[in-house]
Amino acid sequence: MLLSLTGVLLSPIERPPCMRCRTRMNLASIAPRPDHSEKRTFKCPKCHFIETVVVPDPIRSEEINRLADNVKPPE
């Protein structure tokens, strides 16, 4: 697990395989977006291919909202 600057545990970021040479890519940068998602840029250490993906905010994802809607207080 990784720690953020605030000390909160973060899950590791999955490193995708390069589309050109299939080598595991390295995370080059993370940029926040106005909609609370993240723009993640990956770079291949072998062929230098660059790939950018947008990842939704996990706190505001539909899956989290669905789980939260099903939580009920103890009776």
PDB file of N, CA and C in Angstrom:
ATOM      1  N   MET A   1       0.837  -1.193   0.000  1.00  0.00           N
ATOM      2  CA  MET A   1       0.000   0.000   0.000  1.00  0.00           C
ATOM      3  C   MET A   1       0.876   1.249   0.000  1.00  0.00           C
ATOM      4  N   LEU A   2       0.360   2.287  -0.606  1.00  0.00           N
ATOM      5  CA  LEU A   2       1.063   3.553  -0.655  1.00  0.00           C
ATOM      6  C   LEU A   2       0.402   4.533   0.294  1.00  0.00           C
ATOM      7  N   LEU A   3       1.167   5.483   0.793  1.00  0.00           N
ATOM      8  CA  LEU A   3       0.617   6.534   1.634  1.00  0.00           C
ATOM      9  C   LEU A   3       0.593   7.828   0.844  1.00  0.00           C
ATOM     10  N   SER A   4      -0.496   8.573   0.987  1.00  0.00           N
ATOM     11  CA  SER A   4      -0.561   9.876   0.351  1.00  0.00           C
ATOM     12  C   SER A   4       0.086  10.894   1.293  1.00  0.00           C
ATOM     13  N   LEU A   5       0.133  12.143   0.882  1.00  0.00           N
ATOM     14  CA  LEU A   5       0.691  13.188   1.738  1.00  0.00           C
ATOM     15  C   LEU A   5      -0.124  13.386   3.010  1.00  0.00           C
ATOM     16  N   THR A   6      -1.390  13.015   2.976  1.00  0.00           N
ATOM     17  CA  THR A   6      -2.241  13.158   4.154  1.00  0.00           C
ATOM     18  C   THR A   6      -2.177  11.936   5.054  1.00  0.00           C
ATOM     19  N   GLY A   7      -1.435  10.904   4.647  1.00  0.00           N
ATOM     20  CA  GLY A   7      -1.306   9.703   5.461  1.00  0.00           C
ATOM     21  C   GLY A   7      -2.406   8.686   5.225  1.00  0.00           C
ATOM     22  N   VAL A   8      -3.287   8.947   4.281  1.00  0.00           N
ATOM     23  CA  VAL A   8      -4.373   8.030   3.973  1.00  0.00           C
ATOM     24  C   VAL A   8      -3.832   6.913   3.092  1.00  0.00           C
ATOM     25  N   LEU A   9      -4.209   5.671   3.378  1.00  0.00           N
ATOM     26  CA  LEU A   9      -3.750   4.558   2.563  1.00  0.00           C
ATOM     27  C   LEU A   9      -4.378   4.630   1.173  1.00  0.00           C
ATOM     28  N   LEU A  10      -3.556   4.457   0.176  1.00  0.00           N
ATOM     29  CA  LEU A  10      -4.032   4.463  -1.197  1.00  0.00           C
ATOM     30  C   LEU A  10      -3.790   3.090  -1.802  1.00  0.00           C
ATOM     31  N   SER A  11      -4.693   2.678  -2.667  1.00  0.00           N
ATOM     32  CA  SER A  11      -4.468   1.403  -3.346  1.00  0.00           C
ATOM     33  C   SER A  11      -3.452   1.624  -4.455  1.00  0.00           C
ATOM     34  N   PRO A  12      -2.676   0.608  -4.783  1.00  0.00           N
ATOM     35  CA  PRO A  12      -1.696   0.772  -5.856  1.00  0.00           C
ATOM     36  C   PRO A  12      -2.385   0.998  -7.196  1.00  0.00           C
ATOM     37  N   ILE A  13      -1.742   1.777  -8.037  1.00  0.00           N
ATOM     38  CA  ILE A  13      -2.278   2.053  -9.372  1.00  0.00           C
ATOM     39  C   ILE A  13      -1.823   0.952 -10.309  1.00  0.00           C
ATOM     40  N   GLU A  14      -2.775   0.371 -11.003  1.00  0.00           N
ATOM     41  CA  GLU A  14      -2.437  -0.696 -11.940  1.00  0.00           C
ATOM     42  C   GLU A  14      -1.691  -0.116 -13.134  1.00  0.00           C
ATOM     43  N   ARG A  15      -0.581  -0.751 -13.478  1.00  0.00           N
ATOM     44  CA  ARG A  15       0.246  -0.328 -14.600  1.00  0.00           C
ATOM     45  C   ARG A  15      -0.121  -1.164 -15.815  1.00  0.00           C
ATOM     46  N   PRO A  16      -0.716  -0.540 -16.837  1.00  0.00           N
ATOM     47  CA  PRO A  16      -1.146  -1.311 -18.018  1.00  0.00           C
ATOM     48  C   PRO A  16       0.035  -1.757 -18.864  1.00  0.00           C
ATOM     49  N   PRO A  17      -0.153  -2.810 -19.657  1.00  0.00           N
ATOM     50  CA  PRO A  17       0.893  -3.202 -20.602  1.00  0.00           C
ATOM     51  C   PRO A  17       0.893  -2.242 -21.794  1.00  0.00           C
ATOM     52  N   CYS A  18       2.067  -2.017 -22.345  1.00  0.00           N
ATOM     53  CA  CYS A  18       2.210  -1.151 -23.509  1.00  0.00           C
ATOM     54  C   CYS A  18       1.466  -1.772 -24.694  1.00  0.00           C
ATOM     55  N   MET A  19       0.757  -0.952 -25.448  1.00  0.00           N
ATOM     56  CA  MET A  19       0.009  -1.436 -26.602  1.00  0.00           C
ATOM     57  C   MET A  19       0.937  -1.842 -27.742  1.00  0.00           C
ATOM     58  N   ARG A  20       2.143  -1.320 -27.750  1.00  0.00           N
ATOM     59  CA  ARG A  20       3.087  -1.634 -28.830  1.00  0.00           C
ATOM     60  C   ARG A  20       3.938  -2.865 -28.523  1.00  0.00           C
ATOM     61  N   CYS A  21       4.582  -2.873 -27.340  1.00  0.00           N
ATOM     62  CA  CYS A  21       5.561  -3.938 -27.071  1.00  0.00           C
ATOM     63  C   CYS A  21       5.181  -4.833 -25.888  1.00  0.00           C
ATOM     64  N   ARG A  22       4.063  -4.563 -25.236  1.00  0.00           N
ATOM     65  CA  ARG A  22       3.526  -5.371 -24.128  1.00  0.00           C
ATOM     66  C   ARG A  22       4.346  -5.285 -22.827  1.00  0.00           C
ATOM     67  N   THR A  23       5.304  -4.364 -22.741  1.00  0.00           N
ATOM     68  CA  THR A  23       6.064  -4.146 -21.511  1.00  0.00           C
ATOM     69  C   THR A  23       5.181  -3.386 -20.524  1.00  0.00           C
ATOM     70  N   ARG A  24       5.319  -3.684 -19.238  1.00  0.00           N
ATOM     71  CA  ARG A  24       4.535  -2.988 -18.208  1.00  0.00           C
ATOM     72  C   ARG A  24       4.947  -1.516 -18.199  1.00  0.00           C
ATOM     73  N   MET A  25       3.963  -0.601 -18.314  1.00  0.00           N
ATOM     74  CA  MET A  25       4.245   0.829 -18.400  1.00  0.00           C
ATOM     75  C   MET A  25       4.445   1.431 -17.011  1.00  0.00           C
ATOM     76  N   ASN A  26       5.143   2.569 -16.961  1.00  0.00           N
ATOM     77  CA  ASN A  26       5.366   3.298 -15.718  1.00  0.00           C
ATOM     78  C   ASN A  26       4.433   4.497 -15.650  1.00  0.00           C
ATOM     79  N   LEU A  27       3.973   4.802 -14.455  1.00  0.00           N
ATOM     80  CA  LEU A  27       3.141   5.985 -14.254  1.00  0.00           C
ATOM     81  C   LEU A  27       4.026   7.214 -14.355  1.00  0.00           C
ATOM     82  N   ALA A  28       3.728   8.109 -15.293  1.00  0.00           N
ATOM     83  CA  ALA A  28       4.534   9.307 -15.507  1.00  0.00           C
ATOM     84  C   ALA A  28       3.958  10.510 -14.772  1.00  0.00           C
ATOM     85  N   SER A  29       2.613  10.619 -14.748  1.00  0.00           N
ATOM     86  CA  SER A  29       1.995  11.754 -14.058  1.00  0.00           C
ATOM     87  C   SER A  29       0.529  11.475 -13.751  1.00  0.00           C
ATOM     88  N   ILE A  30       0.034  12.210 -12.755  1.00  0.00           N
ATOM     89  CA  ILE A  30      -1.389  12.188 -12.406  1.00  0.00           C
ATOM     90  C   ILE A  30      -1.829  13.643 -12.323  1.00  0.00           C
ATOM     91  N   ALA A  31      -2.906  13.981 -13.016  1.00  0.00           N
ATOM     92  CA  ALA A  31      -3.433  15.341 -12.994  1.00  0.00           C
ATOM     93  C   ALA A  31      -4.904  15.304 -12.622  1.00  0.00           C
ATOM     94  N   PRO A  32      -5.313  16.076 -11.600  1.00  0.00           N
ATOM     95  CA  PRO A  32      -6.733  16.130 -11.251  1.00  0.00           C
ATOM     96  C   PRO A  32      -7.517  16.872 -12.321  1.00  0.00           C
ATOM     97  N   ARG A  33      -8.772  16.493 -12.472  1.00  0.00           N
ATOM     98  CA  ARG A  33      -9.656  17.133 -13.439  1.00  0.00           C
ATOM     99  C   ARG A  33     -10.807  17.799 -12.692  1.00  0.00           C
ATOM    100  N   PRO A  34     -11.475  18.782 -13.297  1.00  0.00           N
ATOM    101  CA  PRO A  34     -12.556  19.502 -12.615  1.00  0.00           C
ATOM    102  C   PRO A  34     -13.701  18.603 -12.141  1.00  0.00           C
ATOM    103  N   ASP A  35     -13.925  17.474 -12.812  1.00  0.00           N
ATOM    104  CA  ASP A  35     -15.020  16.588 -12.424  1.00  0.00           C
ATOM    105  C   ASP A  35     -14.589  15.579 -11.349  1.00  0.00           C
ATOM    106  N   HIS A  36     -13.436  15.831 -10.703  1.00  0.00           N
ATOM    107  CA  HIS A  36     -12.877  14.993  -9.629  1.00  0.00           C
ATOM    108  C   HIS A  36     -12.325  13.671 -10.128  1.00  0.00           C
ATOM    109  N   SER A  37     -12.207  13.499 -11.430  1.00  0.00           N
ATOM    110  CA  SER A  37     -11.544  12.312 -11.958  1.00  0.00           C
ATOM    111  C   SER A  37     -10.050  12.626 -12.051  1.00  0.00           C
ATOM    112  N   GLU A  38      -9.265  11.645 -12.476  1.00  0.00           N
ATOM    113  CA  GLU A  38      -7.830  11.840 -12.626  1.00  0.00           C
ATOM    114  C   GLU A  38      -7.406  11.500 -14.047  1.00  0.00           C
ATOM    115  N   LYS A  39      -6.493  12.278 -14.586  1.00  0.00           N
ATOM    116  CA  LYS A  39      -5.876  11.984 -15.872  1.00  0.00           C
ATOM    117  C   LYS A  39      -4.515  11.368 -15.553  1.00  0.00           C
ATOM    118  N   ARG A  40      -4.347  10.085 -15.878  1.00  0.00           N
ATOM    119  CA  ARG A  40      -3.104   9.368 -15.596  1.00  0.00           C
ATOM    120  C   ARG A  40      -2.352   9.134 -16.898  1.00  0.00           C
ATOM    121  N   THR A  41      -1.092   9.511 -16.901  1.00  0.00           N
ATOM    122  CA  THR A  41      -0.243   9.335 -18.073  1.00  0.00           C
ATOM    123  C   THR A  41       0.797   8.265 -17.767  1.00  0.00           C
ATOM    124  N   PHE A  42       0.874   7.264 -18.641  1.00  0.00           N
ATOM    125  CA  PHE A  42       1.816   6.159 -18.507  1.00  0.00           C
ATOM    126  C   PHE A  42       2.811   6.214 -19.662  1.00  0.00           C
ATOM    127  N   LYS A  43       4.076   5.839 -19.364  1.00  0.00           N
ATOM    128  CA  LYS A  43       5.112   5.824 -20.394  1.00  0.00           C
ATOM    129  C   LYS A  43       5.813   4.476 -20.366  1.00  0.00           C
ATOM    130  N   CYS A  44       6.013   3.914 -21.547  1.00  0.00           N
ATOM    131  CA  CYS A  44       6.694   2.631 -21.669  1.00  0.00           C
ATOM    132  C   CYS A  44       8.204   2.842 -21.530  1.00  0.00           C
ATOM    133  N   PRO A  45       8.848   2.108 -20.611  1.00  0.00           N
ATOM    134  CA  PRO A  45      10.296   2.263 -20.450  1.00  0.00           C
ATOM    135  C   PRO A  45      11.105   1.667 -21.610  1.00  0.00           C
ATOM    136  N   LYS A  46      10.470   0.823 -22.405  1.00  0.00           N
ATOM    137  CA  LYS A  46      11.185   0.150 -23.488  1.00  0.00           C
ATOM    138  C   LYS A  46      11.079   0.912 -24.817  1.00  0.00           C
ATOM    139  N   CYS A  47       9.844   1.181 -25.264  1.00  0.00           N
ATOM    140  CA  CYS A  47       9.665   1.824 -26.576  1.00  0.00           C
ATOM    141  C   CYS A  47       9.225   3.288 -26.475  1.00  0.00           C
ATOM    142  N   HIS A  48       9.018   3.791 -25.249  1.00  0.00           N
ATOM    143  CA  HIS A  48       8.680   5.194 -24.980  1.00  0.00           C
ATOM    144  C   HIS A  48       7.287   5.602 -25.462  1.00  0.00           C
ATOM    145  N   PHE A  49       6.425   4.628 -25.704  1.00  0.00           N
ATOM    146  CA  PHE A  49       5.035   4.915 -26.067  1.00  0.00           C
ATOM    147  C   PHE A  49       4.353   5.565 -24.861  1.00  0.00           C
ATOM    148  N   ILE A  50       3.488   6.540 -25.098  1.00  0.00           N
ATOM    149  CA  ILE A  50       2.775   7.228 -24.026  1.00  0.00           C
ATOM    150  C   ILE A  50       1.284   6.972 -24.176  1.00  0.00           C
ATOM    151  N   GLU A  51       0.644   6.646 -23.065  1.00  0.00           N
ATOM    152  CA  GLU A  51      -0.800   6.408 -23.042  1.00  0.00           C
ATOM    153  C   GLU A  51      -1.402   7.220 -21.897  1.00  0.00           C
ATOM    154  N   THR A  52      -2.536   7.844 -22.162  1.00  0.00           N
ATOM    155  CA  THR A  52      -3.235   8.631 -21.149  1.00  0.00           C
ATOM    156  C   THR A  52      -4.618   8.040 -20.944  1.00  0.00           C
ATOM    157  N   VAL A  53      -4.998   7.867 -19.680  1.00  0.00           N
ATOM    158  CA  VAL A  53      -6.327   7.357 -19.354  1.00  0.00           C
ATOM    159  C   VAL A  53      -6.966   8.277 -18.324  1.00  0.00           C
ATOM    160  N   VAL A  54      -8.288   8.361 -18.354  1.00  0.00           N
ATOM    161  CA  VAL A  54      -9.042   9.127 -17.362  1.00  0.00           C
ATOM    162  C   VAL A  54      -9.715   8.131 -16.439  1.00  0.00           C
ATOM    163  N   VAL A  55      -9.494   8.317 -15.145  1.00  0.00           N
ATOM    164  CA  VAL A  55     -10.023   7.400 -14.134  1.00  0.00           C
ATOM    165  C   VAL A  55     -11.032   8.165 -13.286  1.00  0.00           C
ATOM    166  N   PRO A  56     -12.265   7.646 -13.144  1.00  0.00           N
ATOM    167  CA  PRO A  56     -13.263   8.352 -12.337  1.00  0.00           C
ATOM    168  C   PRO A  56     -12.869   8.366 -10.859  1.00  0.00           C
ATOM    169  N   ASP A  57     -13.394   9.339 -10.138  1.00  0.00           N
ATOM    170  CA  ASP A  57     -13.165   9.438  -8.697  1.00  0.00           C
ATOM    171  C   ASP A  57     -13.801   8.232  -8.020  1.00  0.00           C
ATOM    172  N   PRO A  58     -13.028   7.402  -7.312  1.00  0.00           N
ATOM    173  CA  PRO A  58     -13.592   6.196  -6.709  1.00  0.00           C
ATOM    174  C   PRO A  58     -14.639   6.497  -5.640  1.00  0.00           C
ATOM    175  N   ILE A  59     -14.545   7.636  -4.986  1.00  0.00           N
ATOM    176  CA  ILE A  59     -15.523   7.996  -3.950  1.00  0.00           C
ATOM    177  C   ILE A  59     -16.869   8.336  -4.569  1.00  0.00           C
ATOM    178  N   ARG A  60     -16.874   8.827  -5.780  1.00  0.00           N
ATOM    179  CA  ARG A  60     -18.119   9.229  -6.439  1.00  0.00           C
ATOM    180  C   ARG A  60     -18.567   8.238  -7.496  1.00  0.00           C
ATOM    181  N   SER A  61     -17.988   7.072  -7.517  1.00  0.00           N
ATOM    182  CA  SER A  61     -18.334   6.088  -8.539  1.00  0.00           C
ATOM    183  C   SER A  61     -19.730   5.514  -8.273  1.00  0.00           C
ATOM    184  N   GLU A  62     -20.331   4.986  -9.318  1.00  0.00           N
ATOM    185  CA  GLU A  62     -21.663   4.394  -9.202  1.00  0.00           C
ATOM    186  C   GLU A  62     -21.657   3.202  -8.261  1.00  0.00           C
ATOM    187  N   GLU A  63     -20.589   2.427  -8.276  1.00  0.00           N
ATOM    188  CA  GLU A  63     -20.498   1.244  -7.419  1.00  0.00           C
ATOM    189  C   GLU A  63     -20.518   1.634  -5.945  1.00  0.00           C
ATOM    190  N   ILE A  64     -19.766   2.665  -5.574  1.00  0.00           N
ATOM    191  CA  ILE A  64     -19.748   3.127  -4.179  1.00  0.00           C
ATOM    192  C   ILE A  64     -21.117   3.671  -3.796  1.00  0.00           C
ATOM    193  N   ASN A  65     -21.730   4.437  -4.677  1.00  0.00           N
ATOM    194  CA  ASN A  65     -23.060   4.973  -4.385  1.00  0.00           C
ATOM    195  C   ASN A  65     -24.076   3.850  -4.198  1.00  0.00           C
ATOM    196  N   ARG A  66     -23.982   2.808  -5.027  1.00  0.00           N
ATOM    197  CA  ARG A  66     -24.904   1.672  -4.906  1.00  0.00           C
ATOM    198  C   ARG A  66     -24.700   0.969  -3.573  1.00  0.00           C
ATOM    199  N   LEU A  67     -23.450   0.760  -3.193  1.00  0.00           N
ATOM    200  CA  LEU A  67     -23.168   0.115  -1.901  1.00  0.00           C
ATOM    201  C   LEU A  67     -23.658   0.971  -0.740  1.00  0.00           C
ATOM    202  N   ALA A  68     -23.447   2.277  -0.832  1.00  0.00           N
ATOM    203  CA  ALA A  68     -23.876   3.183   0.238  1.00  0.00           C
ATOM    204  C   ALA A  68     -25.398   3.209   0.371  1.00  0.00           C
ATOM    205  N   ASP A  69     -26.100   3.105  -0.743  1.00  0.00           N
ATOM    206  CA  ASP A  69     -27.564   3.101  -0.708  1.00  0.00           C
ATOM    207  C   ASP A  69     -28.107   1.854  -0.011  1.00  0.00           C
ATOM    208  N   ASN A  70     -27.344   0.760  -0.032  1.00  0.00           N
ATOM    209  CA  ASN A  70     -27.797  -0.494   0.574  1.00  0.00           C
ATOM    210  C   ASN A  70     -27.397  -0.634   2.033  1.00  0.00           C
ATOM    211  N   VAL A  71     -26.641   0.321   2.564  1.00  0.00           N
ATOM    212  CA  VAL A  71     -26.232   0.260   3.972  1.00  0.00           C
ATOM    213  C   VAL A  71     -27.366   0.787   4.828  1.00  0.00           C
ATOM    214  N   LYS A  72     -27.743   0.002   5.826  1.00  0.00           N
ATOM    215  CA  LYS A  72     -28.826   0.403   6.725  1.00  0.00           C
ATOM    216  C   LYS A  72     -28.300   0.375   8.165  1.00  0.00           C
ATOM    217  N   PRO A  73     -28.827   1.258   9.008  1.00  0.00           N
ATOM    218  CA  PRO A  73     -28.375   1.249  10.394  1.00  0.00           C
ATOM    219  C   PRO A  73     -28.816  -0.043  11.100  1.00  0.00           C
ATOM    220  N   PRO A  74     -28.062  -0.476  12.118  1.00  0.00           N
ATOM    221  CA  PRO A  74     -28.458  -1.691  12.836  1.00  0.00           C
ATOM    222  C   PRO A  74     -29.802  -1.502  13.533  1.00  0.00           C
ATOM    223  N   GLU A  75     -30.540  -2.573  13.617  1.00  0.00           N
ATOM    224  CA  GLU A  75     -31.870  -2.488  14.245  1.00  0.00           C
ATOM    225  C   GLU A  75     -31.821  -2.920  15.684  1.00  0.00           C
TER     226      GLU A  75
END
